[in-house]
C-alpha atoms as a PDB file:
ATOM      1  CA  MET A   1      52.704  19.101  62.538  1.00  0.00           C
ATOM      2  CA  SER A   2      54.408  22.410  63.068  1.00  0.00           C
ATOM      3  CA  SER A   3      55.642  23.376  66.512  1.00  0.00           C
ATOM      4  CA  GLN A   4      53.615  25.599  68.780  1.00  0.00           C
ATOM      5  CA  THR A   5      54.319  28.384  71.218  1.00  0.00           C
ATOM      6  CA  THR A   6      54.016  27.280  74.854  1.00  0.00           C
ATOM      7  CA  LEU A   7      52.479  29.998  76.982  1.00  0.00           C
ATOM      8  CA  THR A   8      52.622  30.329  80.752  1.00  0.00           C
ATOM      9  CA  PRO A   9      49.474  29.302  82.665  1.00  0.00           C
ATOM     10  CA  VAL A  10      46.619  31.706  83.183  1.00  0.00           C
ATOM     11  CA  GLN A  11      46.393  32.756  86.824  1.00  0.00           C
ATOM     12  CA  PRO A  12      43.183  32.002  88.805  1.00  0.00           C
ATOM     13  CA  GLU A  13      42.041  35.623  88.608  1.00  0.00           C
ATOM     14  CA  GLN A  14      42.575  35.589  84.859  1.00  0.00           C
ATOM     15  CA  LYS A  15      39.797  33.244  83.803  1.00  0.00           C
ATOM     16  CA  PRO A  16      38.814  33.522  80.146  1.00  0.00           C
ATOM     17  CA  HIS A  17      36.733  36.443  78.981  1.00  0.00           C
ATOM     18  CA  VAL A  18      33.610  34.996  77.336  1.00  0.00           C
ATOM     19  CA  PHE A  19      32.000  36.748  74.365  1.00  0.00           C
ATOM     20  CA  GLU A  20      28.985  35.718  72.311  1.00  0.00           C
ATOM     21  CA  PHE A  21      29.026  35.605  68.509  1.00  0.00           C
ATOM     22  CA  GLY A  22      25.423  34.717  67.759  1.00  0.00           C
ATOM     23  CA  LYS A  23      24.878  31.541  69.754  1.00  0.00           C
ATOM     24  CA  ASN A  24      28.583  30.685  69.866  1.00  0.00           C
ATOM     25  CA  PRO A  25      30.572  31.461  73.032  1.00  0.00           C
ATOM     26  CA  VAL A  26      34.116  32.571  72.187  1.00  0.00           C
ATOM     27  CA  ARG A  27      36.639  32.630  75.036  1.00  0.00           C
ATOM     28  CA  VAL A  28      39.697  34.877  75.164  1.00  0.00           C
ATOM     29  CA  VAL A  29      42.632  34.806  77.596  1.00  0.00           C
ATOM     30  CA  ILE A  30      45.126  37.617  78.091  1.00  0.00           C
ATOM     31  CA  ARG A  31      48.864  36.930  78.199  1.00  0.00           C
ATOM     32  CA  ASN A  32      51.425  39.720  78.385  1.00  0.00           C
ATOM     33  CA  GLY A  33      48.711  42.210  77.515  1.00  0.00           C
ATOM     34  CA  GLU A  34      47.711  40.423  74.300  1.00  0.00           C
ATOM     35  CA  PRO A  35      44.519  38.457  73.559  1.00  0.00           C
ATOM     36  CA  TRP A  36      44.797  34.745  72.786  1.00  0.00           C
ATOM     37  CA  TRP A  37      41.639  33.032  71.549  1.00  0.00           C
ATOM     38  CA  ILE A  38      40.469  29.528  72.469  1.00  0.00           C
ATOM     39  CA  ALA A  39      41.029  27.790  69.139  1.00  0.00           C
ATOM     40  CA  THR A  40      38.083  25.382  69.266  1.00  0.00           C
ATOM     41  CA  ASP A  41      35.669  28.244  70.001  1.00  0.00           C
ATOM     42  CA  VAL A  42      36.858  30.167  66.934  1.00  0.00           C
ATOM     43  CA  CYS A  43      36.652  27.074  64.713  1.00  0.00           C
ATOM     44  CA  GLN A  44      33.081  26.411  65.850  1.00  0.00           C
ATOM     45  CA  ALA A  45      32.052  30.035  65.283  1.00  0.00           C
ATOM     46  CA  LEU A  46      33.540  29.939  61.771  1.00  0.00           C
ATOM     47  CA  LYS A  47      32.070  26.497  60.997  1.00  0.00           C
ATOM     48  CA  HIS A  48      35.461  24.811  60.498  1.00  0.00           C
ATOM     49  CA  THR A  49      34.360  21.166  60.549  1.00  0.00           C
ATOM     50  CA  ASN A  50      37.913  19.883  61.019  1.00  0.00           C
ATOM     51  CA  SER A  51      39.475  22.159  63.625  1.00  0.00           C
ATOM     52  CA  ARG A  52      42.600  20.007  63.891  1.00  0.00           C
ATOM     53  CA  MET A  53      43.384  20.412  60.187  1.00  0.00           C
ATOM     54  CA  ALA A  54      42.597  24.127  60.331  1.00  0.00           C
ATOM     55  CA  LEU A  55      45.053  24.623  63.200  1.00  0.00           C
ATOM     56  CA  GLN A  56      47.757  22.532  61.525  1.00  0.00           C
ATOM     57  CA  ARG A  57      47.834  25.039  58.676  1.00  0.00           C
ATOM     58  CA  LEU A  58      48.634  27.963  60.977  1.00  0.00           C
ATOM     59  CA  ASP A  59      52.223  29.124  61.382  1.00  0.00           C
ATOM     60  CA  ALA A  60      53.960  28.200  64.645  1.00  0.00           C
ATOM     61  CA  ASP A  61      53.913  31.790  65.913  1.00  0.00           C
ATOM     62  CA  GLU A  62      50.148  32.038  65.337  1.00  0.00           C
ATOM     63  CA  LYS A  63      49.157  29.338  67.833  1.00  0.00           C
ATOM     64  CA  GLY A  64      50.096  27.987  71.218  1.00  0.00           C
ATOM     65  CA  VAL A  65      49.051  25.951  74.241  1.00  0.00           C
ATOM     66  CA  THR A  66      48.262  27.408  77.641  1.00  0.00           C
ATOM     67  CA  LYS A  67      46.580  26.267  80.848  1.00  0.00           C
ATOM     68  CA  VAL A  68      43.049  27.604  81.151  1.00  0.00           C
ATOM     69  CA  TYR A  69      40.502  27.212  83.921  1.00  0.00           C
ATOM     70  CA  THR A  70      37.449  25.369  82.565  1.00  0.00           C
ATOM     71  CA  ARG A  71      34.462  23.639  84.130  1.00  0.00           C
ATOM     72  CA  GLY A  72      36.631  20.541  84.288  1.00  0.00           C
ATOM     73  CA  GLY A  73      39.426  22.362  86.099  1.00  0.00           C
ATOM     74  CA  LEU A  74      42.825  23.540  84.853  1.00  0.00           C
ATOM     75  CA  GLN A  75      43.474  22.143  81.380  1.00  0.00           C
ATOM     76  CA  ASN A  76      45.951  22.572  78.530  1.00  0.00           C
ATOM     77  CA  ILE A  77      44.043  24.354  75.777  1.00  0.00           C
ATOM     78  CA  GLN A  78      45.070  25.313  72.236  1.00  0.00           C
ATOM     79  CA  VAL A  79      44.936  29.054  71.641  1.00  0.00           C
ATOM     80  CA  ILE A  80      45.600  31.389  68.712  1.00  0.00           C
ATOM     81  CA  ASN A  81      46.685  35.026  68.554  1.00  0.00           C
ATOM     82  CA  GLU A  82      45.270  37.789  66.338  1.00  0.00           C
ATOM     83  CA  PRO A  83      47.255  36.832  63.186  1.00  0.00           C
ATOM     84  CA  GLY A  84      46.140  33.222  63.690  1.00  0.00           C
ATOM     85  CA  LEU A  85      42.575  34.390  64.124  1.00  0.00           C
ATOM     86  CA  TYR A  86      42.671  36.283  60.823  1.00  0.00           C
ATOM     87  CA  SER A  87      44.170  33.228  59.099  1.00  0.00           C
ATOM     88  CA  LEU A  88      41.229  31.095  60.258  1.00  0.00           C
ATOM     89  CA  ILE A  89      38.791  33.768  59.114  1.00  0.00           C
ATOM     90  CA  LEU A  90      40.392  33.604  55.661  1.00  0.00           C
ATOM     91  CA  ARG A  91      39.796  29.863  55.439  1.00  0.00           C
ATOM     92  CA  SER A  92      36.158  29.995  56.526  1.00  0.00           C
ATOM     93  CA  ASN A  93      33.376  29.453  53.999  1.00  0.00           C
ATOM     94  CA  LEU A  94      30.931  31.105  56.373  1.00  0.00           C
ATOM     95  CA  ALA A  95      29.077  33.954  54.694  1.00  0.00           C
ATOM     96  CA  GLU A  96      29.389  35.846  57.975  1.00  0.00           C
ATOM     97  CA  ALA A  97      33.206  35.593  58.080  1.00  0.00           C
ATOM     98  CA  ARG A  98      33.561  39.309  57.512  1.00  0.00           C
ATOM     99  CA  ALA A  99      30.891  39.988  60.149  1.00  0.00           C
ATOM    100  CA  PHE A 100      32.883  37.833  62.567  1.00  0.00           C
ATOM    101  CA  LYS A 101      36.050  39.834  61.887  1.00  0.00           C
ATOM    102  CA  ARG A 102      34.147  43.078  62.393  1.00  0.00           C
ATOM    103  CA  TRP A 103      32.681  41.727  65.631  1.00  0.00           C
ATOM    104  CA  VAL A 104      36.217  40.937  66.807  1.00  0.00           C
ATOM    105  CA  THR A 105      37.751  44.285  65.866  1.00  0.00           C
ATOM    106  CA  HIS A 106      34.818  46.535  66.787  1.00  0.00           C
ATOM    107  CA  GLU A 107      33.367  44.824  69.872  1.00  0.00           C
ATOM    108  CA  VAL A 108      35.574  42.174  71.453  1.00  0.00           C
ATOM    109  CA  LEU A 109      38.989  43.841  71.321  1.00  0.00           C
ATOM    110  CA  PRO A 110      37.716  47.271  72.446  1.00  0.00           C
ATOM    111  CA  GLN A 111      35.893  45.603  75.342  1.00  0.00           C
ATOM    112  CA  ILE A 112      39.037  43.709  76.389  1.00  0.00           C
ATOM    113  CA  ARG A 113      41.047  46.906  76.277  1.00  0.00           C
ATOM    114  CA  LYS A 114      38.401  48.686  78.307  1.00  0.00           C
ATOM    115  CA  THR A 115      37.799  46.083  81.025  1.00  0.00           C
ATOM    116  CA  GLY A 116      41.182  44.563  81.647  1.00  0.00           C
ATOM    117  CA  GLY A 117      44.189  42.681  80.407  1.00  0.00           C
ATOM    118  CA  TYR A 118      45.978  45.747  79.113  1.00  0.00           C
ATOM    119  CA  GLN A 119      48.272  47.884  81.182  1.00  0.00           C
ATOM    120  CA  VAL A 120      46.569  50.682  83.124  1.00  0.00           C
ATOM    121  CA  PRO A 121      48.632  53.906  83.102  1.00  0.00           C
ATOM    122  CA  GLN A 122      49.662  55.153  86.530  1.00  0.00           C
ATOM    123  CA  SER A 123      50.401  58.739  85.515  1.00  0.00           C
ATOM    124  CA  PHE A 124      49.600  61.266  82.795  1.00  0.00           C
ATOM    125  CA  ALA A 125      53.000  60.630  81.188  1.00  0.00           C
ATOM    126  CA  ASP A 126      52.306  56.883  81.183  1.00  0.00           C
ATOM    127  CA  ALA A 127      48.902  57.538  79.631  1.00  0.00           C
ATOM    128  CA  LEU A 128      50.462  59.579  76.824  1.00  0.00           C
ATOM    129  CA  GLN A 129      53.033  56.850  76.168  1.00  0.00           C
ATOM    130  CA  LEU A 130      50.365  54.134  76.202  1.00  0.00           C
ATOM    131  CA  ALA A 131      48.204  56.148  73.788  1.00  0.00           C
ATOM    132  CA  ALA A 132      51.164  56.610  71.439  1.00  0.00           C
ATOM    133  CA  ASP A 133      52.024  52.894  71.588  1.00  0.00           C
ATOM    134  CA  PHE A 134      48.407  51.938  70.977  1.00  0.00           C
ATOM    135  CA  GLN A 135      48.100  54.257  67.978  1.00  0.00           C
ATOM    136  CA  ARG A 136      51.315  52.877  66.507  1.00  0.00           C
ATOM    137  CA  LYS A 137      50.005  49.336  66.922  1.00  0.00           C
ATOM    138  CA  ILE A 138      46.737  50.250  65.181  1.00  0.00           C
ATOM    139  CA  GLU A 139      48.667  51.753  62.263  1.00  0.00           C
ATOM    140  CA  GLN A 140      50.830  48.627  62.000  1.00  0.00           C
ATOM    141  CA  GLN A 141      47.836  46.276  62.033  1.00  0.00           C
ATOM    142  CA  GLN A 142      45.570  48.285  59.725  1.00  0.00           C
ATOM    143  CA  PRO A 143      47.202  47.168  56.442  1.00  0.00           C
ATOM    144  CA  LYS A 144      46.815  43.539  57.512  1.00  0.00           C
ATOM    145  CA  VAL A 145      43.143  44.023  58.389  1.00  0.00           C
ATOM    146  CA  GLU A 146      42.516  45.766  55.057  1.00  0.00           C
ATOM    147  CA  PHE A 147      44.438  43.004  53.259  1.00  0.00           C
ATOM    148  CA  TYR A 148      42.214  40.308  54.757  1.00  0.00           C
ATOM    149  CA  ASP A 149      39.093  42.321  53.944  1.00  0.00           C
ATOM    150  CA  ALA A 150      40.233  42.586  50.330  1.00  0.00           C
ATOM    151  CA  ILE A 151      40.934  38.855  50.117  1.00  0.00           C
ATOM    152  CA  ILE A 152      37.583  37.871  51.577  1.00  0.00           C
ATOM    153  CA  ASP A 153      35.735  40.200  49.184  1.00  0.00           C
ATOM    154  CA  SER A 154      37.801  39.566  46.049  1.00  0.00           C
ATOM    155  CA  LYS A 155      36.322  37.492  43.224  1.00  0.00           C
ATOM    156  CA  ASP A 156      39.365  37.874  40.961  1.00  0.00           C
ATOM    157  CA  THR A 157      41.237  34.734  39.963  1.00  0.00           C
ATOM    158  CA  LEU A 158      44.643  33.910  38.512  1.00  0.00           C
ATOM    159  CA  LEU A 159      46.089  31.041  36.521  1.00  0.00           C
ATOM    160  CA  ILE A 160      48.701  28.905  38.283  1.00  0.00           C
ATOM    161  CA  GLY A 161      51.385  30.394  36.036  1.00  0.00           C
ATOM    162  CA  ASP A 162      50.489  33.892  37.201  1.00  0.00           C
ATOM    163  CA  VAL A 163      50.498  32.726  40.827  1.00  0.00           C
ATOM    164  CA  ALA A 164      54.015  31.315  40.401  1.00  0.00           C
ATOM    165  CA  LYS A 165      55.144  34.598  38.866  1.00  0.00           C
ATOM    166  CA  ASN A 166      53.588  36.694  41.646  1.00  0.00           C
ATOM    167  CA  LEU A 167      55.115  34.584  44.427  1.00  0.00           C
ATOM    168  CA  GLN A 168      58.599  35.366  43.062  1.00  0.00           C
ATOM    169  CA  VAL A 169      60.201  32.201  44.443  1.00  0.00           C
ATOM    170  CA  PRO A 170      63.494  31.506  42.610  1.00  0.00           C
ATOM    171  CA  GLY A 171      63.210  28.395  40.466  1.00  0.00           C
ATOM    172  CA  LEU A 172      59.481  27.981  41.099  1.00  0.00           C
ATOM    173  CA  GLY A 173      57.766  28.086  37.732  1.00  0.00           C
ATOM    174  CA  PRO A 174      54.271  26.841  36.868  1.00  0.00           C
ATOM    175  CA  ASN A 175      55.315  23.188  36.433  1.00  0.00           C
ATOM    176  CA  LYS A 176      57.130  23.037  39.766  1.00  0.00           C
ATOM    177  CA  LEU A 177      54.253  24.796  41.502  1.00  0.00           C
ATOM    178  CA  PHE A 178      51.842  22.229  40.043  1.00  0.00           C
ATOM    179  CA  GLN A 179      54.154  19.457  41.323  1.00  0.00           C
ATOM    180  CA  PHE A 180      54.343  21.046  44.767  1.00  0.00           C
ATOM    181  CA  LEU A 181      50.557  21.372  45.045  1.00  0.00           C
ATOM    182  CA  ARG A 182      50.080  17.756  43.935  1.00  0.00           C
ATOM    183  CA  ARG A 183      52.536  16.582  46.613  1.00  0.00           C
ATOM    184  CA  GLN A 184      50.638  18.610  49.190  1.00  0.00           C
ATOM    185  CA  LYS A 185      47.381  16.920  48.078  1.00  0.00           C
ATOM    186  CA  VAL A 186      45.968  20.313  47.118  1.00  0.00           C
ATOM    187  CA  LEU A 187      45.667  19.367  43.443  1.00  0.00           C
ATOM    188  CA  LYS A 188      44.819  15.979  41.973  1.00  0.00           C
ATOM    189  CA  SER A 189      46.907  14.205  39.335  1.00  0.00           C
ATOM    190  CA  ASP A 190      44.994  16.044  36.584  1.00  0.00           C
ATOM    191  CA  ASN A 191      45.927  19.400  38.201  1.00  0.00           C
ATOM    192  CA  LEU A 192      42.330  20.075  39.207  1.00  0.00           C
ATOM    193  CA  PRO A 193      41.821  21.054  42.855  1.00  0.00           C
ATOM    194  CA  CYS A 194      40.743  18.608  45.535  1.00  0.00           C
ATOM    195  CA  GLN A 195      37.185  19.262  46.657  1.00  0.00           C
ATOM    196  CA  GLN A 196      38.110  20.471  50.145  1.00  0.00           C
ATOM    197  CA  TYR A 197      40.186  23.319  48.685  1.00  0.00           C
ATOM    198  CA  ILE A 198      37.339  24.348  46.409  1.00  0.00           C
ATOM    199  CA  GLU A 199      35.137  24.454  49.504  1.00  0.00           C
ATOM    200  CA  LEU A 200      37.784  26.524  51.303  1.00  0.00           C
ATOM    201  CA  GLY A 201      37.473  29.109  48.550  1.00  0.00           C
ATOM    202  CA  TRP A 202      41.000  28.652  47.165  1.00  0.00           C
ATOM    203  CA  PHE A 203      40.078  27.655  43.612  1.00  0.00           C
ATOM    204  CA  ARG A 204      37.411  27.513  40.976  1.00  0.00           C
ATOM    205  CA  VAL A 205      37.387  25.295  37.905  1.00  0.00           C
ATOM    206  CA  VAL A 206      36.601  26.913  34.559  1.00  0.00           C
ATOM    207  CA  GLU A 207      35.202  24.933  31.651  1.00  0.00           C
ATOM    208  CA  GLN A 208      36.539  25.940  28.244  1.00  0.00           C
ATOM    209  CA  GLN A 209      35.384  24.714  24.849  1.00  0.00           C
ATOM    210  CA  TYR A 210      37.591  24.379  21.791  1.00  0.00           C
ATOM    211  CA  PRO A 211      37.087  23.182  18.198  1.00  0.00           C
ATOM    212  CA  LYS A 212      38.484  19.724  17.435  1.00  0.00           C
ATOM    213  CA  LYS A 213      39.950  18.702  14.087  1.00  0.00           C
ATOM    214  CA  ASP A 214      36.958  16.485  13.366  1.00  0.00           C
ATOM    215  CA  GLY A 215      34.612  19.445  13.740  1.00  0.00           C
ATOM    216  CA  GLU A 216      33.360  18.417  17.145  1.00  0.00           C
ATOM    217  CA  THR A 217      33.600  20.650  20.180  1.00  0.00           C
ATOM    218  CA  GLY A 218      36.014  19.583  22.881  1.00  0.00           C
ATOM    219  CA  VAL A 219      35.915  20.577  26.516  1.00  0.00           C
ATOM    220  CA  THR A 220      38.847  21.228  28.819  1.00  0.00           C
ATOM    221  CA  TYR A 221      39.007  22.375  32.428  1.00  0.00           C
ATOM    222  CA  ARG A 222      41.402  24.881  33.945  1.00  0.00           C
ATOM    223  CA  THR A 223      42.179  25.644  37.552  1.00  0.00           C
ATOM    224  CA  ARG A 224      41.983  29.282  38.574  1.00  0.00           C
ATOM    225  CA  VAL A 225      43.124  30.592  41.945  1.00  0.00           C
ATOM    226  CA  TYR A 226      41.317  33.104  44.152  1.00  0.00           C
ATOM    227  CA  GLN A 227      43.378  35.551  46.202  1.00  0.00           C
ATOM    228  CA  ARG A 228      42.477  33.463  49.244  1.00  0.00           C
ATOM    229  CA  GLY A 229      44.153  30.519  47.536  1.00  0.00           C
ATOM    230  CA  VAL A 230      47.247  32.576  46.704  1.00  0.00           C
ATOM    231  CA  ASP A 231      47.623  33.388  50.392  1.00  0.00           C
ATOM    232  CA  GLY A 232      47.106  29.730  51.294  1.00  0.00           C
ATOM    233  CA  ILE A 233      49.733  28.578  48.773  1.00  0.00           C
ATOM    234  CA  ARG A 234      52.147  31.168  50.152  1.00  0.00           C
ATOM    235  CA  LYS A 235      51.645  29.748  53.657  1.00  0.00           C
ATOM    236  CA  LEU A 236      52.243  26.193  52.408  1.00  0.00           C
ATOM    237  CA  LEU A 237      55.492  27.234  50.739  1.00  0.00           C
ATOM    238  CA  LYS A 238      56.567  29.033  53.901  1.00  0.00           C
ATOM    239  CA  ARG A 239      55.727  26.004  56.042  1.00  0.00           C
ATOM    240  CA  GLU A 240      57.873  23.795  53.791  1.00  0.00           C
ATOM    241  CA  GLY A 241      60.782  26.250  53.953  1.00  0.00           C
ATOM    242  CA  LEU A 242      60.527  27.257  50.299  1.00  0.00           C
ATOM    243  CA  LEU A 243      59.602  30.876  50.947  1.00  0.00           C
END
């Protein structure tokens, strides 16, 4: 398991903000002016059946542990930041995944910024500086938000060879990428994807027919990769220190 960021405890007056996505409560804590989401709440909202596995796939700087006041008292709780949140959205098979992201960006974050957790300017000069900083942050995050939107919506697929070429990892051709994905238990020995990664929306299997020498029609199967899968493979390579 990858290491996690350890955050300082939430103070008593900083109990989690609770938001409702449908019937799912989603709690958010604020640390250093930034929102950190209670990981289990997000996984439940996005219908991740194995939250532990989902969190293991996040990069170390996308998740952490902090002390949060709950009904059971002060407890160590796993949390994720905005990049981690978007990574979980990518891996969700929920048809409403895009609606969840829109809910986050159009309702939850604006409400947090309005009601607390972000620095309140003490003067007009401070307000101008804060506005400039906020606008710069929006501009920096916008390409990432658009990128995730494009991935979620995209139905285009690539062959493994094209994925290897696009990743531009020195020495990583199609054969080595196949080997890597088999070692990671993403592909089976026949280079077809494991069922869980089909369900995650990484791959689809295409049936192709071809004429055999005896006149019969043969059938072969090829693995094609969605853009969501390309992003997932990139994260696996990064986690293993290959990217």
